[in-house]
């Protein structure tokens, strides 16, 4: 056990000493939808923005590293509560459910940079990791309630251009629920969907 901890500590120190850190602004769009625990209502996709700061920590010459960001993100779905009498009798029909969140993604990433000089112009990227969402505000819809935050898992692909500009696209799956109805307290939903982002790193 002592040897394992020593090796792990040595790896962390070595990584920190040799890694290259860059950061910069990032912005993009979310194409999201709610997936309910039961198929009682229908949904439509909603498109919302995300914007913030991103950091990248990479081991030179190896291609492995991590990226992380702090972003404002707007996600949600248009839900037809009018499908069920329990809500239509109260006058609810198609309602937009928006989540205004502080989003912190943390990804392991691999950037392929052994392209005989081509990597100075374009380098492919793959990434995966958890996303932590903290609710800042939500739509004022009395029939649903929201937790303080949620967790998702994402993965994606992309590319770096001219060693500075990055374009990525990924898909995220909600692990914990983003909202649940009040009248049916076990009827909850998780957010899933695509995210397309651009970043400029310095």
Protein backbone atom coordinates (compact mmCIF):
# COMPACT_ATOMS: atom_id res chain seq x y z
CA UNK A 1 0.00 0.00 0.00
CA UNK A 2 2.83 2.38 0.88
CA UNK A 3 4.52 1.66 -2.46
CA UNK A 4 1.30 2.36 -4.35
CA UNK A 5 0.78 5.71 -2.60
CA UNK A 6 4.42 6.66 -3.22
CA UNK A 7 4.11 5.80 -6.91
CA UNK A 8 0.86 7.75 -7.20
CA UNK A 9 2.37 10.80 -5.50
CA UNK A 10 5.43 10.60 -7.77
CA UNK A 11 3.18 10.42 -10.86
CA UNK A 12 1.21 13.50 -9.73
CA UNK A 13 4.37 15.50 -9.05
CA UNK A 14 5.89 14.44 -12.38
CA UNK A 15 2.70 15.33 -14.24
CA UNK A 16 2.47 18.73 -12.58
CA UNK A 17 6.12 19.56 -13.27
CA UNK A 18 6.06 18.65 -16.96
CA UNK A 19 2.50 19.60 -17.94
CA UNK A 20 1.71 22.65 -20.04
CA UNK A 21 -1.19 24.80 -18.90
CA UNK A 22 -3.28 27.02 -21.18
CA UNK A 23 -6.59 28.77 -20.69
CA UNK A 24 -9.01 30.98 -22.53
CA UNK A 25 -12.67 31.84 -23.27
CA UNK A 26 -15.13 29.24 -24.50
CA UNK A 27 -18.68 29.54 -25.86
CA UNK A 28 -21.21 27.29 -27.54
CA UNK A 29 -24.73 25.92 -27.68
CA UNK A 30 -26.63 23.20 -25.82
CA UNK A 31 -29.19 21.07 -27.64
CA UNK A 32 -30.97 19.39 -24.74
CA UNK A 33 -34.02 17.36 -23.83
CA UNK A 34 -35.51 15.91 -20.65
CA UNK A 35 -35.77 12.14 -20.19
CA UNK A 36 -38.47 11.28 -17.66
CA UNK A 37 -38.58 8.26 -15.39
CA UNK A 38 -41.82 7.16 -17.09
CA UNK A 39 -43.23 8.05 -20.50
CA UNK A 40 -46.17 10.11 -19.26
CA UNK A 41 -45.44 13.34 -21.15
CA UNK A 42 -43.82 14.26 -24.48
CA UNK A 43 -40.79 16.54 -24.91
CA UNK A 44 -39.21 18.77 -27.51
CA UNK A 45 -35.58 19.82 -27.79
CA UNK A 46 -34.49 23.29 -26.69
CA UNK A 47 -31.36 25.17 -27.78
CA UNK A 48 -29.56 27.34 -25.23
CA UNK A 49 -26.17 29.04 -24.85
CA UNK A 50 -23.13 28.31 -22.72
CA UNK A 51 -20.17 30.63 -22.10
CA UNK A 52 -17.22 30.73 -19.72
CA UNK A 53 -13.52 30.05 -19.21
CA UNK A 54 -11.70 26.82 -20.03
CA UNK A 55 -8.31 25.45 -18.94
CA UNK A 56 -6.20 22.70 -20.47
CA UNK A 57 -3.32 20.83 -18.79
CA UNK A 58 -1.38 18.56 -21.18
CA UNK A 59 1.76 16.42 -20.97
CA UNK A 60 4.02 17.52 -23.85
CA UNK A 61 4.79 14.85 -26.44
CA UNK A 62 2.41 12.31 -24.92
CA UNK A 63 -0.96 13.75 -25.85
CA UNK A 64 -2.76 12.96 -22.58
CA UNK A 65 -4.07 15.59 -20.21
CA UNK A 66 -7.12 17.12 -18.57
CA UNK A 67 -9.42 20.00 -19.36
CA UNK A 68 -11.83 21.83 -17.11
CA UNK A 69 -14.09 24.85 -17.34
CA UNK A 70 -16.39 27.16 -15.41
CA UNK A 71 -19.39 28.14 -17.53
CA UNK A 72 -22.86 29.61 -17.45
CA UNK A 73 -25.05 27.06 -19.21
CA UNK A 74 -28.72 27.19 -20.19
CA UNK A 75 -30.32 23.76 -20.65
CA UNK A 76 -33.83 22.37 -20.68
CA UNK A 77 -36.74 21.02 -22.66
CA UNK A 78 -40.26 21.92 -23.77
CA UNK A 79 -42.61 19.55 -21.96
CA UNK A 80 -46.25 18.91 -22.84
CA UNK A 81 -47.81 18.56 -19.38
CA UNK A 82 -51.18 18.78 -21.12
CA UNK A 83 -50.75 15.09 -22.05
CA UNK A 84 -51.99 14.17 -18.55
CA UNK A 85 -55.21 15.31 -16.86
CA UNK A 86 -53.42 15.76 -13.52
CA UNK A 87 -51.77 18.89 -15.00
CA UNK A 88 -54.09 19.84 -17.88
CA UNK A 89 -56.95 20.22 -15.36
CA UNK A 90 -54.86 22.96 -13.72
CA UNK A 91 -54.43 24.76 -17.04
CA UNK A 92 -50.93 23.54 -17.96
CA UNK A 93 -50.04 22.54 -21.50
CA UNK A 94 -46.72 22.87 -23.36
CA UNK A 95 -44.30 24.48 -20.92
CA UNK A 96 -40.64 25.42 -21.34
CA UNK A 97 -38.40 24.14 -18.55
CA UNK A 98 -35.12 26.06 -18.49
CA UNK A 99 -32.22 25.44 -16.10
CA UNK A 100 -29.76 28.31 -15.66
CA UNK A 101 -26.68 26.60 -14.23
CA UNK A 102 -23.09 27.11 -13.22
CA UNK A 103 -21.47 24.21 -15.03
CA UNK A 104 -18.08 22.68 -14.18
CA UNK A 105 -16.94 19.93 -16.60
CA UNK A 106 -13.72 18.01 -15.84
CA UNK A 107 -12.45 15.76 -18.64
CA UNK A 108 -9.62 13.41 -19.39
CA UNK A 109 -8.52 14.15 -22.95
CA UNK A 110 -6.21 12.86 -25.62
CA UNK A 111 -4.85 15.13 -28.34
CA UNK A 112 -3.01 13.36 -31.18
CA UNK A 113 0.04 15.49 -31.99
CA UNK A 114 2.37 13.08 -33.81
CA UNK A 115 1.39 14.04 -37.34
CA UNK A 116 4.77 14.93 -38.86
CA UNK A 117 4.21 18.66 -38.55
CA UNK A 118 0.52 18.65 -39.50
CA UNK A 119 -0.35 19.03 -35.78
CA UNK A 120 0.72 22.69 -36.04
CA UNK A 121 -2.37 23.20 -38.20
CA UNK A 122 -4.82 20.56 -36.96
CA UNK A 123 -4.80 17.97 -34.15
CA UNK A 124 -7.73 15.62 -33.33
CA UNK A 125 -9.10 15.52 -29.77
CA UNK A 126 -11.22 13.02 -27.80
CA UNK A 127 -12.42 13.60 -24.23
CA UNK A 128 -14.67 12.19 -21.50
CA UNK A 129 -15.52 13.00 -17.90
CA UNK A 130 -18.09 14.20 -15.37
CA UNK A 131 -20.06 17.46 -15.45
CA UNK A 132 -21.18 19.16 -12.25
CA UNK A 133 -24.19 21.48 -12.59
CA UNK A 134 -25.24 23.97 -9.90
CA UNK A 135 -28.65 25.59 -10.36
CA UNK A 136 -28.60 29.40 -10.41
CA UNK A 137 -32.21 29.91 -11.50
CA UNK A 138 -35.08 28.02 -13.15
CA UNK A 139 -38.34 28.81 -14.91
CA UNK A 140 -41.12 29.77 -12.52
CA UNK A 141 -43.28 26.69 -12.96
CA UNK A 142 -45.15 25.76 -9.75
CA UNK A 143 -45.80 22.14 -10.72
CA UNK A 144 -42.11 21.14 -10.65
CA UNK A 145 -39.26 21.41 -8.15
CA UNK A 146 -35.51 21.38 -8.67
CA UNK A 147 -32.50 20.15 -6.69
CA UNK A 148 -29.56 22.42 -5.92
CA UNK A 149 -27.54 20.69 -8.63
CA UNK A 150 -27.01 17.61 -10.74
CA UNK A 151 -24.29 15.42 -12.21
CA UNK A 152 -23.81 14.19 -15.78
CA UNK A 153 -21.27 12.20 -17.79
CA UNK A 154 -20.08 13.45 -21.17
CA UNK A 155 -17.81 12.40 -24.00
CA UNK A 156 -16.92 13.96 -27.31
CA UNK A 157 -14.54 14.63 -30.16
CA UNK A 158 -13.07 17.68 -31.79
CA UNK A 159 -9.97 19.32 -33.14
CA UNK A 160 -7.39 21.98 -32.39
CA UNK A 161 -6.50 24.36 -35.22
CA UNK A 162 -3.28 26.38 -35.51
CA UNK A 163 -2.35 25.33 -31.93
CA UNK A 164 -4.87 27.74 -30.42
CA UNK A 165 -8.45 27.36 -31.64
CA UNK A 166 -10.51 24.35 -30.54
CA UNK A 167 -13.85 23.10 -31.86
CA UNK A 168 -15.52 20.22 -29.97
CA UNK A 169 -18.85 18.43 -29.97
CA UNK A 170 -20.04 16.02 -27.30
CA UNK A 171 -23.02 14.30 -25.76
CA UNK A 172 -23.94 14.27 -22.07
CA UNK A 173 -26.08 11.86 -20.07
CA UNK A 174 -27.67 12.99 -16.81
CA UNK A 175 -26.77 10.76 -13.87
CA UNK A 176 -28.94 12.51 -11.27
CA UNK A 177 -32.32 14.19 -11.79
CA UNK A 178 -32.70 17.87 -12.79
CA UNK A 179 -36.35 18.26 -11.83
CA UNK A 180 -39.39 16.37 -10.58
CA UNK A 181 -43.09 17.07 -10.41
CA UNK A 182 -44.74 17.97 -7.11
CA UNK A 183 -48.03 16.11 -7.50
CA UNK A 184 -46.22 12.93 -8.60
CA UNK A 185 -43.17 13.12 -6.35
CA UNK A 186 -41.46 10.09 -7.94
CA UNK A 187 -41.81 11.45 -11.49
CA UNK A 188 -38.38 12.95 -12.22
CA UNK A 189 -36.31 13.78 -15.29
CA UNK A 190 -32.64 13.91 -16.28
CA UNK A 191 -31.22 16.18 -18.98
CA UNK A 192 -29.45 14.70 -21.98
CA UNK A 193 -28.20 16.27 -25.17
CA UNK A 194 -25.48 17.66 -27.38
CA UNK A 195 -23.05 20.45 -26.70
CA UNK A 196 -21.01 22.23 -29.38
CA UNK A 197 -18.21 24.52 -28.24
CA UNK A 198 -15.43 26.73 -29.52
CA UNK A 199 -12.49 27.85 -27.39
CA UNK A 200 -9.43 30.06 -27.83
CA UNK A 201 -6.50 29.03 -25.61
CA UNK A 202 -3.48 31.17 -24.73
